[in-house]
Amino acid sequence: MIEILADAANQVTSMSGSIQGGLGCLGAALGVGFVGAKAVEATGRNPGAFGKIMVLGILGMALAEAVAFYALFLGK
């Protein structure tokens, strides 16, 4: 019985990095989606500012994607 509990504890500790990476990627995906949605909304409200909105949107998406890399590389 003790061996089973020790094996379960080892499996849980090995999964913790995967869970952290998955949640980090989920957060990045949500961030990119929100930035994209707001960029489309802003372009619809002011089509003349498309270039500035696109630049800021791409910058925002890149910063949101950085969260995924932090979670994946620093997870373990």
N, C-alpha and C. Protein backbone atom coordinates (compact mmCIF):
# COMPACT_ATOMS: atom_id res chain seq x y z
N MET A 1 0.82 -1.19 0.00
CA MET A 1 0.00 0.00 0.00
C MET A 1 0.86 1.25 0.00
N ILE A 2 1.95 1.22 0.75
CA ILE A 2 2.84 2.38 0.81
C ILE A 2 3.51 2.61 -0.54
N GLU A 3 3.82 1.51 -1.25
CA GLU A 3 4.43 1.66 -2.57
C GLU A 3 3.48 2.34 -3.54
N ILE A 4 2.21 2.03 -3.44
CA ILE A 4 1.20 2.64 -4.33
C ILE A 4 1.09 4.14 -4.04
N LEU A 5 1.08 4.51 -2.77
CA LEU A 5 1.00 5.92 -2.41
C LEU A 5 2.26 6.68 -2.85
N ALA A 6 3.42 6.05 -2.72
CA ALA A 6 4.66 6.69 -3.14
C ALA A 6 4.67 6.88 -4.66
N ASP A 7 4.18 5.87 -5.38
CA ASP A 7 4.11 5.99 -6.84
C ASP A 7 3.14 7.09 -7.26
N ALA A 8 2.01 7.20 -6.58
CA ALA A 8 1.04 8.26 -6.89
C ALA A 8 1.63 9.63 -6.59
N ALA A 9 2.37 9.75 -5.51
CA ALA A 9 3.00 11.03 -5.17
C ALA A 9 4.04 11.41 -6.22
N ASN A 10 4.80 10.45 -6.72
CA ASN A 10 5.79 10.72 -7.77
C ASN A 10 5.11 11.16 -9.06
N GLN A 11 3.98 10.56 -9.40
CA GLN A 11 3.26 10.94 -10.61
C GLN A 11 2.69 12.36 -10.49
N VAL A 12 2.19 12.72 -9.32
CA VAL A 12 1.64 14.06 -9.12
C VAL A 12 2.75 15.11 -9.22
N THR A 13 3.91 14.83 -8.63
CA THR A 13 4.99 15.81 -8.70
C THR A 13 5.54 15.95 -10.11
N SER A 14 5.51 14.88 -10.90
CA SER A 14 5.99 14.99 -12.28
C SER A 14 4.98 15.71 -13.16
N MET A 15 3.70 15.73 -12.78
CA MET A 15 2.67 16.42 -13.56
C MET A 15 2.60 17.90 -13.26
N SER A 16 3.15 18.35 -12.16
CA SER A 16 2.97 19.75 -11.76
C SER A 16 3.55 20.72 -12.78
N GLY A 17 4.67 20.39 -13.40
CA GLY A 17 5.23 21.25 -14.44
C GLY A 17 4.35 21.29 -15.67
N SER A 18 3.74 20.15 -16.00
CA SER A 18 2.85 20.10 -17.16
C SER A 18 1.60 20.93 -16.92
N ILE A 19 1.08 20.86 -15.71
CA ILE A 19 -0.12 21.64 -15.39
C ILE A 19 0.21 23.13 -15.44
N GLN A 20 1.34 23.50 -14.91
CA GLN A 20 1.75 24.91 -14.93
C GLN A 20 1.94 25.39 -16.37
N GLY A 21 2.57 24.59 -17.20
CA GLY A 21 2.76 24.97 -18.60
C GLY A 21 1.44 25.07 -19.35
N GLY A 22 0.54 24.14 -19.07
CA GLY A 22 -0.78 24.17 -19.72
C GLY A 22 -1.58 25.39 -19.32
N LEU A 23 -1.55 25.73 -18.05
CA LEU A 23 -2.28 26.92 -17.59
C LEU A 23 -1.65 28.20 -18.14
N GLY A 24 -0.33 28.22 -18.23
CA GLY A 24 0.33 29.38 -18.82
C GLY A 24 -0.02 29.56 -20.28
N CYS A 25 -0.08 28.46 -21.03
CA CYS A 25 -0.47 28.54 -22.44
C CYS A 25 -1.94 28.91 -22.59
N LEU A 26 -2.77 28.45 -21.68
CA LEU A 26 -4.18 28.83 -21.71
C LEU A 26 -4.32 30.33 -21.48
N GLY A 27 -3.57 30.86 -20.52
CA GLY A 27 -3.61 32.30 -20.26
C GLY A 27 -3.12 33.10 -21.46
N ALA A 28 -2.08 32.61 -22.13
CA ALA A 28 -1.58 33.31 -23.31
C ALA A 28 -2.60 33.28 -24.44
N ALA A 29 -3.27 32.16 -24.62
CA ALA A 29 -4.29 32.06 -25.66
C ALA A 29 -5.45 33.01 -25.38
N LEU A 30 -5.86 33.09 -24.14
CA LEU A 30 -6.92 34.04 -23.79
C LEU A 30 -6.47 35.48 -24.02
N GLY A 31 -5.24 35.78 -23.65
CA GLY A 31 -4.72 37.13 -23.84
C GLY A 31 -4.67 37.52 -25.31
N VAL A 32 -4.20 36.62 -26.16
CA VAL A 32 -4.14 36.89 -27.60
C VAL A 32 -5.55 37.08 -28.16
N GLY A 33 -6.48 36.27 -27.71
CA GLY A 33 -7.86 36.40 -28.17
C GLY A 33 -8.47 37.73 -27.77
N PHE A 34 -8.24 38.15 -26.53
CA PHE A 34 -8.78 39.43 -26.07
C PHE A 34 -8.16 40.60 -26.83
N VAL A 35 -6.85 40.55 -27.05
CA VAL A 35 -6.18 41.62 -27.78
C VAL A 35 -6.71 41.69 -29.21
N GLY A 36 -6.85 40.54 -29.85
CA GLY A 36 -7.37 40.51 -31.22
C GLY A 36 -8.79 41.03 -31.31
N ALA A 37 -9.63 40.64 -30.37
CA ALA A 37 -11.02 41.09 -30.38
C ALA A 37 -11.11 42.60 -30.18
N LYS A 38 -10.33 43.12 -29.26
CA LYS A 38 -10.36 44.56 -29.02
C LYS A 38 -9.75 45.35 -30.18
N ALA A 39 -8.76 44.78 -30.86
CA ALA A 39 -8.19 45.44 -32.03
C ALA A 39 -9.21 45.53 -33.16
N VAL A 40 -9.97 44.47 -33.36
CA VAL A 40 -11.03 44.48 -34.38
C VAL A 40 -12.11 45.49 -34.00
N GLU A 41 -12.47 45.52 -32.74
CA GLU A 41 -13.47 46.47 -32.28
C GLU A 41 -12.98 47.91 -32.46
N ALA A 42 -11.73 48.17 -32.13
CA ALA A 42 -11.19 49.52 -32.27
C ALA A 42 -11.10 49.93 -33.74
N THR A 43 -10.75 49.00 -34.62
CA THR A 43 -10.70 49.31 -36.04
C THR A 43 -12.10 49.59 -36.59
N GLY A 44 -13.08 48.89 -36.09
CA GLY A 44 -14.46 49.15 -36.50
C GLY A 44 -14.94 50.53 -36.07
N ARG A 45 -14.48 50.97 -34.92
CA ARG A 45 -14.87 52.30 -34.43
C ARG A 45 -14.12 53.42 -35.14
N ASN A 46 -12.85 53.18 -35.49
CA ASN A 46 -12.04 54.22 -36.11
C ASN A 46 -11.17 53.58 -37.19
N PRO A 47 -11.71 53.39 -38.40
CA PRO A 47 -10.95 52.72 -39.47
C PRO A 47 -9.69 53.49 -39.89
N GLY A 48 -9.66 54.79 -39.67
CA GLY A 48 -8.49 55.57 -40.06
C GLY A 48 -7.26 55.28 -39.23
N ALA A 49 -7.43 54.70 -38.05
CA ALA A 49 -6.31 54.40 -37.17
C ALA A 49 -5.86 52.95 -37.28
N PHE A 50 -6.15 52.32 -38.42
CA PHE A 50 -5.85 50.90 -38.58
C PHE A 50 -4.38 50.59 -38.37
N GLY A 51 -3.48 51.38 -38.94
CA GLY A 51 -2.04 51.10 -38.84
C GLY A 51 -1.54 51.13 -37.40
N LYS A 52 -1.95 52.15 -36.66
CA LYS A 52 -1.52 52.25 -35.26
C LYS A 52 -2.12 51.13 -34.42
N ILE A 53 -3.38 50.80 -34.69
CA ILE A 53 -4.03 49.73 -33.93
C ILE A 53 -3.36 48.39 -34.21
N MET A 54 -2.99 48.16 -35.49
CA MET A 54 -2.35 46.90 -35.85
C MET A 54 -1.01 46.75 -35.14
N VAL A 55 -0.22 47.83 -35.13
CA VAL A 55 1.09 47.77 -34.47
C VAL A 55 0.93 47.48 -32.98
N LEU A 56 0.03 48.20 -32.32
CA LEU A 56 -0.18 47.97 -30.89
C LEU A 56 -0.77 46.58 -30.63
N GLY A 57 -1.63 46.11 -31.53
CA GLY A 57 -2.20 44.77 -31.36
C GLY A 57 -1.14 43.68 -31.46
N ILE A 58 -0.26 43.82 -32.44
CA ILE A 58 0.81 42.82 -32.60
C ILE A 58 1.74 42.85 -31.40
N LEU A 59 2.05 44.04 -30.91
CA LEU A 59 2.90 44.16 -29.72
C LEU A 59 2.22 43.53 -28.50
N GLY A 60 0.94 43.77 -28.34
CA GLY A 60 0.20 43.18 -27.22
C GLY A 60 0.13 41.67 -27.31
N MET A 61 -0.05 41.15 -28.52
CA MET A 61 -0.09 39.69 -28.70
C MET A 61 1.27 39.07 -28.40
N ALA A 62 2.34 39.74 -28.80
CA ALA A 62 3.68 39.21 -28.52
C ALA A 62 3.96 39.17 -27.03
N LEU A 63 3.53 40.20 -26.32
CA LEU A 63 3.72 40.21 -24.87
C LEU A 63 2.87 39.14 -24.19
N ALA A 64 1.68 38.90 -24.72
CA ALA A 64 0.84 37.83 -24.15
C ALA A 64 1.46 36.46 -24.41
N GLU A 65 2.06 36.28 -25.58
CA GLU A 65 2.71 35.00 -25.89
C GLU A 65 3.93 34.77 -25.02
N ALA A 66 4.57 35.83 -24.56
CA ALA A 66 5.74 35.68 -23.69
C ALA A 66 5.36 34.95 -22.40
N VAL A 67 4.13 35.11 -21.95
CA VAL A 67 3.67 34.41 -20.76
C VAL A 67 3.74 32.90 -20.96
N ALA A 68 3.37 32.45 -22.14
CA ALA A 68 3.43 31.00 -22.43
C ALA A 68 4.86 30.49 -22.36
N PHE A 69 5.80 31.27 -22.93
CA PHE A 69 7.19 30.84 -22.89
C PHE A 69 7.74 30.82 -21.47
N TYR A 70 7.38 31.81 -20.68
CA TYR A 70 7.80 31.81 -19.27
C TYR A 70 7.27 30.57 -18.56
N ALA A 71 6.01 30.26 -18.79
CA ALA A 71 5.41 29.11 -18.11
C ALA A 71 6.06 27.80 -18.57
N LEU A 72 6.36 27.69 -19.85
CA LEU A 72 6.94 26.45 -20.37
C LEU A 72 8.39 26.28 -19.94
N PHE A 73 9.19 27.35 -20.04
CA PHE A 73 10.61 27.21 -19.75
C PHE A 73 10.93 27.25 -18.27
N LEU A 74 10.15 27.98 -17.50
CA LEU A 74 10.43 28.09 -16.09
C LEU A 74 9.56 27.16 -15.25
N GLY A 75 8.79 26.31 -15.91
CA GLY A 75 7.85 25.44 -15.21
C GLY A 75 8.51 24.39 -14.34
N LYS A 76 9.70 23.97 -14.68
CA LYS A 76 10.31 22.89 -13.92
C LYS A 76 11.43 23.38 -13.07
